[in-house]
Amino acid sequence: MPARIRRMVRHLLFEYRKPVLGGRRRSGPQLRVAMFHMSRCGSTVLGQMLAAQGEIFWAGEVFADMPNRYSELMRLPGAVGRIIDRSVAEPESLRSLIRRSDYPAEYRVYGFETTYLREQHLQPGWIDMDLSDYLALLDARSFDRFIVLHRHNHLRMLVSRAVAEVTGTWHSRAAAAGPVPVVLPVTELVWGAWRGSLLDRLRHQDAQHARLLQLLEGRRVLQLTYEEHISADPTVAYRAVCDFLGLQALPVAMVLRKTNPFPLQESVLNWDEVVGALSGTEYAWMLTQEHPLPN
């Protein structure tokens, strides 16, 4: 049988297998899912596992380095919507950007990630939207599942980010050889356009997380945390997402390792300053615990 005929038969069989939704066949992926996180929380290892499941096209952080990736679209009105539309309708256009070649030719679920702090993907020059407006844009494009991946211990996340900035290694397949010394500013911490103290930073991130959950009320949301679902065994998060999407959690490989699994005091050169800044505050537990004790 000629290759062209075989491709046509495979396509027809896939279309026939698709469930009928609302009395008609739905074009494109049956489900569109958006994941929100602040980075340094296990999103990449989870995304790679989802991408290997076989029925998911996981596009990762579509808006990473947005001005350079989509320079031709950034000059047009509605650039953000255009980028999302292209990534859903033309996944081939993303393959070189996300450096993978093994995505399924046909898939039931399309998913991607957004880092949702104002100083991350939502910043001016990139998405440049308030979070509420961005969610409305996703609603208008039929995104009907949402995942929130959160890390309770923001202090460890900030240290992990500082280590990655020093080493230039944000993800690794090899186990970390040893702690990397960093300084974590306690009075003048900088993240993009944001400036403030370490304590202000922790409160800012908690407030943004609370606002995201408030804005997502009424939608179908899966909440995951790094500490409960990723840290010890990322397959816990993987299985939870597959269940949330109505997919089978097929065995997949886990290829990434933690980049900074060491005690904080072994990595932070100004540890005494950090202890002084957080002792007696609502974040003192972050100095010694992975997550807050239950009330």
C-alpha atoms as a PDB file:
ATOM      1  CA  MET A   1       0.000   0.000   0.000  1.00  0.00           C
ATOM      2  CA  PRO A   2       1.486   3.415  -0.945  1.00  0.00           C
ATOM      3  CA  ALA A   3       2.656   5.595   1.951  1.00  0.00           C
ATOM      4  CA  ARG A   4       0.151   8.320   1.060  1.00  0.00           C
ATOM      5  CA  ILE A   5      -2.766   5.873   1.338  1.00  0.00           C
ATOM      6  CA  ARG A   6      -1.455   4.502   4.646  1.00  0.00           C
ATOM      7  CA  ARG A   7      -1.329   8.034   6.072  1.00  0.00           C
ATOM      8  CA  MET A   8      -4.894   8.697   4.949  1.00  0.00           C
ATOM      9  CA  VAL A   9      -6.118   5.458   6.542  1.00  0.00           C
ATOM     10  CA  ARG A  10      -4.371   6.252   9.850  1.00  0.00           C
ATOM     11  CA  HIS A  11      -5.887   9.730   9.870  1.00  0.00           C
ATOM     12  CA  LEU A  12      -9.399   8.399   9.201  1.00  0.00           C
ATOM     13  CA  LEU A  13      -9.050   5.766  11.909  1.00  0.00           C
ATOM     14  CA  PHE A  14      -7.935   8.398  14.418  1.00  0.00           C
ATOM     15  CA  GLU A  15     -10.848  10.656  13.533  1.00  0.00           C
ATOM     16  CA  TYR A  16     -13.256   7.741  13.880  1.00  0.00           C
ATOM     17  CA  ARG A  17     -11.923   6.941  17.358  1.00  0.00           C
ATOM     18  CA  LYS A  18     -12.519  10.485  18.627  1.00  0.00           C
ATOM     19  CA  PRO A  19     -15.522  10.770  20.937  1.00  0.00           C
ATOM     20  CA  VAL A  20     -18.459  12.831  19.725  1.00  0.00           C
ATOM     21  CA  LEU A  21     -18.851  15.883  21.967  1.00  0.00           C
ATOM     22  CA  GLY A  22     -22.151  17.781  22.075  1.00  0.00           C
ATOM     23  CA  GLY A  23     -23.521  15.847  19.072  1.00  0.00           C
ATOM     24  CA  ARG A  24     -20.675  16.734  16.720  1.00  0.00           C
ATOM     25  CA  ARG A  25     -17.042  15.871  16.206  1.00  0.00           C
ATOM     26  CA  ARG A  26     -14.734  18.477  17.608  1.00  0.00           C
ATOM     27  CA  SER A  27     -11.773  19.605  15.550  1.00  0.00           C
ATOM     28  CA  GLY A  28      -8.314  19.785  17.050  1.00  0.00           C
ATOM     29  CA  PRO A  29      -7.404  18.342  20.444  1.00  0.00           C
ATOM     30  CA  GLN A  30     -10.375  17.220  22.527  1.00  0.00           C
ATOM     31  CA  LEU A  31      -8.985  18.942  25.624  1.00  0.00           C
ATOM     32  CA  ARG A  32      -6.896  22.045  26.050  1.00  0.00           C
ATOM     33  CA  VAL A  33      -5.114  22.414  29.362  1.00  0.00           C
ATOM     34  CA  ALA A  34      -3.095  25.329  30.751  1.00  0.00           C
ATOM     35  CA  MET A  35      -0.674  24.866  33.623  1.00  0.00           C
ATOM     36  CA  PHE A  36       0.384  27.752  35.857  1.00  0.00           C
ATOM     37  CA  HIS A  37       3.478  27.857  38.058  1.00  0.00           C
ATOM     38  CA  MET A  38       6.214  30.201  39.311  1.00  0.00           C
ATOM     39  CA  SER A  39       9.127  28.041  38.005  1.00  0.00           C
ATOM     40  CA  ARG A  40      11.633  25.945  39.980  1.00  0.00           C
ATOM     41  CA  CYS A  41       8.825  23.644  41.097  1.00  0.00           C
ATOM     42  CA  GLY A  42       9.236  20.485  39.015  1.00  0.00           C
ATOM     43  CA  SER A  43       7.217  21.689  36.027  1.00  0.00           C
ATOM     44  CA  THR A  44       9.804  20.564  33.483  1.00  0.00           C
ATOM     45  CA  VAL A  45      10.100  16.988  34.747  1.00  0.00           C
ATOM     46  CA  LEU A  46       6.296  16.763  34.891  1.00  0.00           C
ATOM     47  CA  GLY A  47       5.968  18.229  31.400  1.00  0.00           C
ATOM     48  CA  GLN A  48       8.440  15.742  29.955  1.00  0.00           C
ATOM     49  CA  MET A  49       6.535  12.850  31.486  1.00  0.00           C
ATOM     50  CA  LEU A  50       3.245  14.148  30.094  1.00  0.00           C
ATOM     51  CA  ALA A  51       4.828  14.583  26.668  1.00  0.00           C
ATOM     52  CA  ALA A  52       5.891  10.924  26.708  1.00  0.00           C
ATOM     53  CA  GLN A  53       2.419   9.619  27.613  1.00  0.00           C
ATOM     54  CA  GLY A  54       1.452   9.265  23.957  1.00  0.00           C
ATOM     55  CA  GLU A  55      -1.859  11.147  23.753  1.00  0.00           C
ATOM     56  CA  ILE A  56      -0.659  14.585  24.856  1.00  0.00           C
ATOM     57  CA  PHE A  57       1.105  17.314  22.937  1.00  0.00           C
ATOM     58  CA  TRP A  58       2.832  19.150  25.784  1.00  0.00           C
ATOM     59  CA  ALA A  59       4.278  22.391  24.453  1.00  0.00           C
ATOM     60  CA  GLY A  60       5.987  23.511  27.670  1.00  0.00           C
ATOM     61  CA  GLU A  61       6.568  27.208  28.263  1.00  0.00           C
ATOM     62  CA  VAL A  62       5.329  28.552  24.941  1.00  0.00           C
ATOM     63  CA  PHE A  63       6.027  32.132  26.001  1.00  0.00           C
ATOM     64  CA  ALA A  64       9.612  31.586  27.161  1.00  0.00           C
ATOM     65  CA  ASP A  65      11.857  34.131  25.419  1.00  0.00           C
ATOM     66  CA  MET A  66       8.718  35.348  23.663  1.00  0.00           C
ATOM     67  CA  PRO A  67      10.153  38.517  22.009  1.00  0.00           C
ATOM     68  CA  ASN A  68      12.831  36.474  20.218  1.00  0.00           C
ATOM     69  CA  ARG A  69      10.820  33.333  19.490  1.00  0.00           C
ATOM     70  CA  TYR A  70       7.930  35.166  17.891  1.00  0.00           C
ATOM     71  CA  SER A  71       9.468  38.390  16.650  1.00  0.00           C
ATOM     72  CA  GLU A  72       7.327  38.370  13.490  1.00  0.00           C
ATOM     73  CA  LEU A  73       4.089  37.900  15.468  1.00  0.00           C
ATOM     74  CA  MET A  74       4.993  40.436  18.145  1.00  0.00           C
ATOM     75  CA  ARG A  75       4.558  43.218  15.574  1.00  0.00           C
ATOM     76  CA  LEU A  76       0.936  42.244  14.891  1.00  0.00           C
ATOM     77  CA  PRO A  77      -2.202  43.081  16.882  1.00  0.00           C
ATOM     78  CA  GLY A  78      -3.318  40.348  19.256  1.00  0.00           C
ATOM     79  CA  ALA A  79       0.111  38.711  19.308  1.00  0.00           C
ATOM     80  CA  VAL A  80      -0.592  36.591  22.381  1.00  0.00           C
ATOM     81  CA  GLY A  81      -3.737  35.080  20.911  1.00  0.00           C
ATOM     82  CA  ARG A  82      -1.975  34.476  17.596  1.00  0.00           C
ATOM     83  CA  ILE A  83       0.846  32.605  19.340  1.00  0.00           C
ATOM     84  CA  ILE A  84      -1.569  30.377  21.236  1.00  0.00           C
ATOM     85  CA  ASP A  85      -3.621  29.724  18.117  1.00  0.00           C
ATOM     86  CA  ARG A  86      -0.521  28.770  16.144  1.00  0.00           C
ATOM     87  CA  SER A  87       0.803  26.485  18.860  1.00  0.00           C
ATOM     88  CA  VAL A  88      -2.521  24.630  19.064  1.00  0.00           C
ATOM     89  CA  ALA A  89      -3.267  24.462  15.340  1.00  0.00           C
ATOM     90  CA  GLU A  90       0.286  24.029  14.059  1.00  0.00           C
ATOM     91  CA  PRO A  91       2.272  22.034  16.636  1.00  0.00           C
ATOM     92  CA  GLU A  92       4.930  21.373  14.007  1.00  0.00           C
ATOM     93  CA  SER A  93       5.890  25.035  14.346  1.00  0.00           C
ATOM     94  CA  LEU A  94       6.914  24.372  17.953  1.00  0.00           C
ATOM     95  CA  ARG A  95       9.050  21.285  17.523  1.00  0.00           C
ATOM     96  CA  SER A  96      12.332  23.120  16.950  1.00  0.00           C
ATOM     97  CA  LEU A  97      11.596  25.552  19.773  1.00  0.00           C
ATOM     98  CA  ILE A  98      10.937  22.885  22.388  1.00  0.00           C
ATOM     99  CA  ARG A  99      13.728  20.643  21.102  1.00  0.00           C
ATOM    100  CA  ARG A 100      11.740  17.427  20.887  1.00  0.00           C
ATOM    101  CA  SER A 101      11.027  15.158  17.938  1.00  0.00           C
ATOM    102  CA  ASP A 102       8.978  12.369  19.535  1.00  0.00           C
ATOM    103  CA  TYR A 103       5.588  14.005  19.999  1.00  0.00           C
ATOM    104  CA  PRO A 104       2.619  11.962  18.781  1.00  0.00           C
ATOM    105  CA  ALA A 105       1.404  12.719  15.277  1.00  0.00           C
ATOM    106  CA  GLU A 106      -2.153  12.596  16.609  1.00  0.00           C
ATOM    107  CA  TYR A 107      -3.062  13.601  20.135  1.00  0.00           C
ATOM    108  CA  ARG A 108      -6.127  14.070  22.317  1.00  0.00           C
ATOM    109  CA  VAL A 109      -4.792  16.766  24.650  1.00  0.00           C
ATOM    110  CA  TYR A 110      -2.862  19.966  24.016  1.00  0.00           C
ATOM    111  CA  GLY A 111      -1.159  21.531  27.028  1.00  0.00           C
ATOM    112  CA  PHE A 112       1.240  24.340  27.772  1.00  0.00           C
ATOM    113  CA  GLU A 113       2.642  26.290  30.730  1.00  0.00           C
ATOM    114  CA  THR A 114       2.614  29.895  31.865  1.00  0.00           C
ATOM    115  CA  THR A 115       4.710  31.377  34.644  1.00  0.00           C
ATOM    116  CA  TYR A 116       2.097  33.692  36.039  1.00  0.00           C
ATOM    117  CA  LEU A 117       3.862  36.307  38.159  1.00  0.00           C
ATOM    118  CA  ARG A 118       3.721  39.784  36.663  1.00  0.00           C
ATOM    119  CA  GLU A 119       7.534  39.777  36.412  1.00  0.00           C
ATOM    120  CA  GLN A 120       7.476  36.488  34.469  1.00  0.00           C
ATOM    121  CA  HIS A 121       5.571  35.712  31.248  1.00  0.00           C
ATOM    122  CA  LEU A 122       2.932  38.364  31.985  1.00  0.00           C
ATOM    123  CA  GLN A 123       5.470  41.182  32.039  1.00  0.00           C
ATOM    124  CA  PRO A 124       5.407  44.146  29.639  1.00  0.00           C
ATOM    125  CA  GLY A 125       7.086  43.325  26.354  1.00  0.00           C
ATOM    126  CA  TRP A 126       5.910  39.727  26.612  1.00  0.00           C
ATOM    127  CA  ILE A 127       2.280  38.771  27.270  1.00  0.00           C
ATOM    128  CA  ASP A 128       1.754  42.175  28.950  1.00  0.00           C
ATOM    129  CA  MET A 129      -1.648  41.332  30.452  1.00  0.00           C
ATOM    130  CA  ASP A 130      -3.239  41.261  33.823  1.00  0.00           C
ATOM    131  CA  LEU A 131      -3.823  37.700  34.957  1.00  0.00           C
ATOM    132  CA  SER A 132      -7.603  38.097  34.808  1.00  0.00           C
ATOM    133  CA  ASP A 133      -7.456  39.238  31.168  1.00  0.00           C
ATOM    134  CA  TYR A 134      -5.103  36.392  30.296  1.00  0.00           C
ATOM    135  CA  LEU A 135      -7.494  33.819  31.769  1.00  0.00           C
ATOM    136  CA  ALA A 136     -10.339  35.350  29.751  1.00  0.00           C
ATOM    137  CA  LEU A 137      -8.222  34.938  26.620  1.00  0.00           C
ATOM    138  CA  LEU A 138      -7.696  31.247  27.434  1.00  0.00           C
ATOM    139  CA  ASP A 139     -11.413  30.802  28.080  1.00  0.00           C
ATOM    140  CA  ALA A 140     -12.164  32.268  24.674  1.00  0.00           C
ATOM    141  CA  ARG A 141      -9.839  29.687  23.114  1.00  0.00           C
ATOM    142  CA  SER A 142     -11.593  26.704  24.702  1.00  0.00           C
ATOM    143  CA  PHE A 143      -9.064  25.949  27.421  1.00  0.00           C
ATOM    144  CA  ASP A 144     -11.223  24.005  29.845  1.00  0.00           C
ATOM    145  CA  ARG A 145      -8.730  22.355  32.206  1.00  0.00           C
ATOM    146  CA  PHE A 146      -6.273  24.179  34.439  1.00  0.00           C
ATOM    147  CA  ILE A 147      -3.390  22.893  36.539  1.00  0.00           C
ATOM    148  CA  VAL A 148      -1.765  24.921  39.302  1.00  0.00           C
ATOM    149  CA  LEU A 149       1.657  23.622  40.336  1.00  0.00           C
ATOM    150  CA  HIS A 150       2.773  25.349  43.524  1.00  0.00           C
ATOM    151  CA  ARG A 151       5.843  25.149  45.735  1.00  0.00           C
ATOM    152  CA  HIS A 152       5.120  25.834  49.397  1.00  0.00           C
ATOM    153  CA  ASN A 153       8.713  26.629  50.288  1.00  0.00           C
ATOM    154  CA  HIS A 154       9.356  29.806  48.305  1.00  0.00           C
ATOM    155  CA  LEU A 155      12.730  30.158  50.026  1.00  0.00           C
ATOM    156  CA  ARG A 156      14.005  26.942  48.476  1.00  0.00           C
ATOM    157  CA  MET A 157      12.594  28.051  45.141  1.00  0.00           C
ATOM    158  CA  LEU A 158      14.471  31.362  45.321  1.00  0.00           C
ATOM    159  CA  VAL A 159      17.711  29.582  46.234  1.00  0.00           C
ATOM    160  CA  SER A 160      17.212  27.119  43.363  1.00  0.00           C
ATOM    161  CA  ARG A 161      16.704  30.055  41.019  1.00  0.00           C
ATOM    162  CA  ALA A 162      19.858  31.764  42.313  1.00  0.00           C
ATOM    163  CA  VAL A 163      21.887  28.564  41.839  1.00  0.00           C
ATOM    164  CA  ALA A 164      20.600  28.190  38.271  1.00  0.00           C
ATOM    165  CA  GLU A 165      21.528  31.784  37.463  1.00  0.00           C
ATOM    166  CA  VAL A 166      25.064  31.233  38.789  1.00  0.00           C
ATOM    167  CA  THR A 167      25.660  27.916  37.022  1.00  0.00           C
ATOM    168  CA  GLY A 168      23.600  28.527  33.891  1.00  0.00           C
ATOM    169  CA  THR A 169      22.083  25.061  34.415  1.00  0.00           C
ATOM    170  CA  TRP A 170      18.327  25.142  34.884  1.00  0.00           C
ATOM    171  CA  HIS A 171      17.727  21.422  34.343  1.00  0.00           C
ATOM    172  CA  SER A 172      20.043  18.441  34.597  1.00  0.00           C
ATOM    173  CA  ARG A 173      19.961  14.742  33.813  1.00  0.00           C
ATOM    174  CA  ALA A 174      22.817  14.059  36.214  1.00  0.00           C
ATOM    175  CA  ALA A 175      22.687  14.125  39.998  1.00  0.00           C
ATOM    176  CA  ALA A 176      24.103  17.325  41.505  1.00  0.00           C
ATOM    177  CA  ALA A 177      27.724  16.872  42.566  1.00  0.00           C
ATOM    178  CA  GLY A 178      27.569  19.286  45.474  1.00  0.00           C
ATOM    179  CA  PRO A 179      26.046  22.547  46.727  1.00  0.00           C
ATOM    180  CA  VAL A 180      26.691  25.727  44.761  1.00  0.00           C
ATOM    181  CA  PRO A 181      27.323  28.770  46.998  1.00  0.00           C
ATOM    182  CA  VAL A 182      25.031  31.739  46.381  1.00  0.00           C
ATOM    183  CA  VAL A 183      24.083  34.951  48.151  1.00  0.00           C
ATOM    184  CA  LEU A 184      20.375  35.599  48.699  1.00  0.00           C
ATOM    185  CA  PRO A 185      19.793  39.332  49.273  1.00  0.00           C
ATOM    186  CA  VAL A 186      17.551  40.010  52.265  1.00  0.00           C
ATOM    187  CA  THR A 187      17.005  43.765  51.895  1.00  0.00           C
ATOM    188  CA  GLU A 188      17.313  44.449  48.142  1.00  0.00           C
ATOM    189  CA  LEU A 189      16.154  41.372  46.280  1.00  0.00           C
ATOM    190  CA  VAL A 190      15.604  41.908  42.549  1.00  0.00           C
ATOM    191  CA  TRP A 191      13.458  39.872  40.152  1.00  0.00           C
ATOM    192  CA  GLY A 192      12.956  41.634  36.833  1.00  0.00           C
ATOM    193  CA  ALA A 193      11.140  44.893  37.493  1.00  0.00           C
ATOM    194  CA  TRP A 194      10.298  43.809  41.044  1.00  0.00           C
ATOM    195  CA  ARG A 195      12.372  45.204  43.938  1.00  0.00           C
ATOM    196  CA  GLY A 196      11.983  44.592  47.665  1.00  0.00           C
ATOM    197  CA  SER A 197      13.124  42.664  50.706  1.00  0.00           C
ATOM    198  CA  LEU A 198      13.225  38.895  50.990  1.00  0.00           C
ATOM    199  CA  LEU A 199      10.230  38.992  53.316  1.00  0.00           C
ATOM    200  CA  ASP A 200       8.314  41.201  50.864  1.00  0.00           C
ATOM    201  CA  ARG A 201       9.176  38.743  48.105  1.00  0.00           C
ATOM    202  CA  LEU A 202       7.720  35.770  49.970  1.00  0.00           C
ATOM    203  CA  ARG A 203       4.544  37.709  50.748  1.00  0.00           C
ATOM    204  CA  HIS A 204       4.283  38.875  47.139  1.00  0.00           C
ATOM    205  CA  GLN A 205       4.432  35.312  45.837  1.00  0.00           C
ATOM    206  CA  ASP A 206       1.857  34.083  48.338  1.00  0.00           C
ATOM    207  CA  ALA A 207      -0.483  36.930  47.378  1.00  0.00           C
ATOM    208  CA  GLN A 208      -0.117  36.166  43.659  1.00  0.00           C
ATOM    209  CA  HIS A 209      -0.817  32.486  44.262  1.00  0.00           C
ATOM    210  CA  ALA A 210      -3.948  33.315  46.257  1.00  0.00           C
ATOM    211  CA  ARG A 211      -5.144  35.642  43.499  1.00  0.00           C
ATOM    212  CA  LEU A 212      -4.644  32.956  40.842  1.00  0.00           C
ATOM    213  CA  LEU A 213      -6.744  30.468  42.812  1.00  0.00           C
ATOM    214  CA  GLN A 214      -9.437  33.098  43.329  1.00  0.00           C
ATOM    215  CA  LEU A 215      -9.564  33.894  39.600  1.00  0.00           C
ATOM    216  CA  LEU A 216      -9.769  30.198  38.721  1.00  0.00           C
ATOM    217  CA  GLU A 217     -12.830  29.603  40.898  1.00  0.00           C
ATOM    218  CA  GLY A 218     -15.613  27.977  38.898  1.00  0.00           C
ATOM    219  CA  ARG A 219     -13.221  26.368  36.429  1.00  0.00           C
ATOM    220  CA  ARG A 220     -11.963  22.773  36.397  1.00  0.00           C
ATOM    221  CA  VAL A 221      -8.691  22.981  38.308  1.00  0.00           C
ATOM    222  CA  LEU A 222      -6.148  20.439  39.541  1.00  0.00           C
ATOM    223  CA  GLN A 223      -3.918  21.738  42.321  1.00  0.00           C
ATOM    224  CA  LEU A 224      -0.511  20.108  42.743  1.00  0.00           C
ATOM    225  CA  THR A 225       2.384  20.980  45.000  1.00  0.00           C
ATOM    226  CA  TYR A 226       6.073  20.312  44.589  1.00  0.00           C
ATOM    227  CA  GLU A 227       6.385  18.948  48.107  1.00  0.00           C
ATOM    228  CA  GLU A 228       3.488  16.467  47.945  1.00  0.00           C
ATOM    229  CA  HIS A 229       3.446  15.487  44.266  1.00  0.00           C
ATOM    230  CA  ILE A 230       6.913  16.043  42.772  1.00  0.00           C
ATOM    231  CA  SER A 231       9.769  16.032  45.259  1.00  0.00           C
ATOM    232  CA  ALA A 232       9.891  12.384  46.336  1.00  0.00           C
ATOM    233  CA  ASP A 233       8.274  10.856  43.258  1.00  0.00           C
ATOM    234  CA  PRO A 234       7.192  12.911  40.196  1.00  0.00           C
ATOM    235  CA  THR A 235       5.069  10.018  38.955  1.00  0.00           C
ATOM    236  CA  VAL A 236       2.577  10.987  41.673  1.00  0.00           C
ATOM    237  CA  ALA A 237       1.942  14.263  39.845  1.00  0.00           C
ATOM    238  CA  TYR A 238       2.008  12.535  36.463  1.00  0.00           C
ATOM    239  CA  ARG A 239      -0.666  10.038  37.493  1.00  0.00           C
ATOM    240  CA  ALA A 240      -2.785  12.807  39.019  1.00  0.00           C
ATOM    241  CA  VAL A 241      -2.712  14.806  35.788  1.00  0.00           C
ATOM    242  CA  CYS A 242      -3.549  11.786  33.646  1.00  0.00           C
ATOM    243  CA  ASP A 243      -6.510  11.013  35.902  1.00  0.00           C
ATOM    244  CA  PHE A 244      -7.612  14.652  35.739  1.00  0.00           C
ATOM    245  CA  LEU A 245      -7.556  14.492  31.929  1.00  0.00           C
ATOM    246  CA  GLY A 246      -9.190  11.071  31.686  1.00  0.00           C
ATOM    247  CA  LEU A 247      -6.090   9.439  30.222  1.00  0.00           C
ATOM    248  CA  GLN A 248      -4.239   6.252  31.062  1.00  0.00           C
ATOM    249  CA  ALA A 249      -1.004   6.842  32.984  1.00  0.00           C
ATOM    250  CA  LEU A 250       1.257   4.721  30.800  1.00  0.00           C
ATOM    251  CA  PRO A 251       4.793   4.016  32.085  1.00  0.00           C
ATOM    252  CA  VAL A 252       7.178   6.837  31.176  1.00  0.00           C
ATOM    253  CA  ALA A 253      10.809   7.556  31.939  1.00  0.00           C
ATOM    254  CA  MET A 254      11.963  10.287  34.319  1.00  0.00           C
ATOM    255  CA  VAL A 255      15.150  11.817  32.956  1.00  0.00           C
ATOM    256  CA  LEU A 256      15.753  14.954  35.043  1.00  0.00           C
ATOM    257  CA  ARG A 257      17.295  15.177  38.508  1.00  0.00           C
ATOM    258  CA  LYS A 258      17.174  17.783  41.255  1.00  0.00           C
ATOM    259  CA  THR A 259      19.683  20.575  40.730  1.00  0.00           C
ATOM    260  CA  ASN A 260      19.896  21.648  44.385  1.00  0.00           C
ATOM    261  CA  PRO A 261      18.861  18.887  46.812  1.00  0.00           C
ATOM    262  CA  PHE A 262      21.183  20.071  49.574  1.00  0.00           C
ATOM    263  CA  PRO A 263      20.340  21.751  52.905  1.00  0.00           C
ATOM    264  CA  LEU A 264      19.855  25.479  52.401  1.00  0.00           C
ATOM    265  CA  GLN A 265      22.558  26.444  54.865  1.00  0.00           C
ATOM    266  CA  GLU A 266      25.087  24.588  52.674  1.00  0.00           C
ATOM    267  CA  SER A 267      24.211  26.717  49.640  1.00  0.00           C
ATOM    268  CA  VAL A 268      23.456  30.164  51.053  1.00  0.00           C
ATOM    269  CA  LEU A 269      26.619  32.058  51.959  1.00  0.00           C
ATOM    270  CA  ASN A 270      24.720  34.688  53.965  1.00  0.00           C
ATOM    271  CA  TRP A 271      22.609  32.120  55.801  1.00  0.00           C
ATOM    272  CA  ASP A 272      22.773  33.998  59.098  1.00  0.00           C
ATOM    273  CA  GLU A 273      21.270  37.077  57.410  1.00  0.00           C
ATOM    274  CA  VAL A 274      18.462  34.976  55.925  1.00  0.00           C
ATOM    275  CA  VAL A 275      17.730  33.429  59.331  1.00  0.00           C
ATOM    276  CA  GLY A 276      17.639  36.879  60.895  1.00  0.00           C
ATOM    277  CA  ALA A 277      15.266  38.179  58.210  1.00  0.00           C
ATOM    278  CA  LEU A 278      12.739  35.342  58.550  1.00  0.00           C
ATOM    279  CA  SER A 279      12.908  34.361  62.216  1.00  0.00           C
ATOM    280  CA  GLY A 280       9.745  35.360  64.030  1.00  0.00           C
ATOM    281  CA  THR A 281       7.798  35.762  60.777  1.00  0.00           C
ATOM    282  CA  GLU A 282       5.159  33.554  59.184  1.00  0.00           C
ATOM    283  CA  TYR A 283       7.929  32.130  56.998  1.00  0.00           C
ATOM    284  CA  ALA A 284      10.302  30.980  59.732  1.00  0.00           C
ATOM    285  CA  TRP A 285       9.310  27.364  59.018  1.00  0.00           C
ATOM    286  CA  MET A 286      10.995  27.607  55.601  1.00  0.00           C
ATOM    287  CA  LEU A 287      14.369  27.690  57.310  1.00  0.00           C
ATOM    288  CA  THR A 288      14.057  24.126  58.625  1.00  0.00           C
ATOM    289  CA  GLN A 289      11.075  22.439  56.919  1.00  0.00           C
ATOM    290  CA  GLU A 290      10.057  21.588  53.385  1.00  0.00           C
ATOM    291  CA  HIS A 291       6.435  22.578  53.923  1.00  0.00           C
ATOM    292  CA  PRO A 292       4.389  24.080  56.768  1.00  0.00           C
ATOM    293  CA  LEU A 293       3.079  21.801  59.475  1.00  0.00           C
ATOM    294  CA  PRO A 294      -0.683  21.198  59.332  1.00  0.00           C
ATOM    295  CA  ASN A 295      -2.770  23.388  61.607  1.00  0.00           C
END
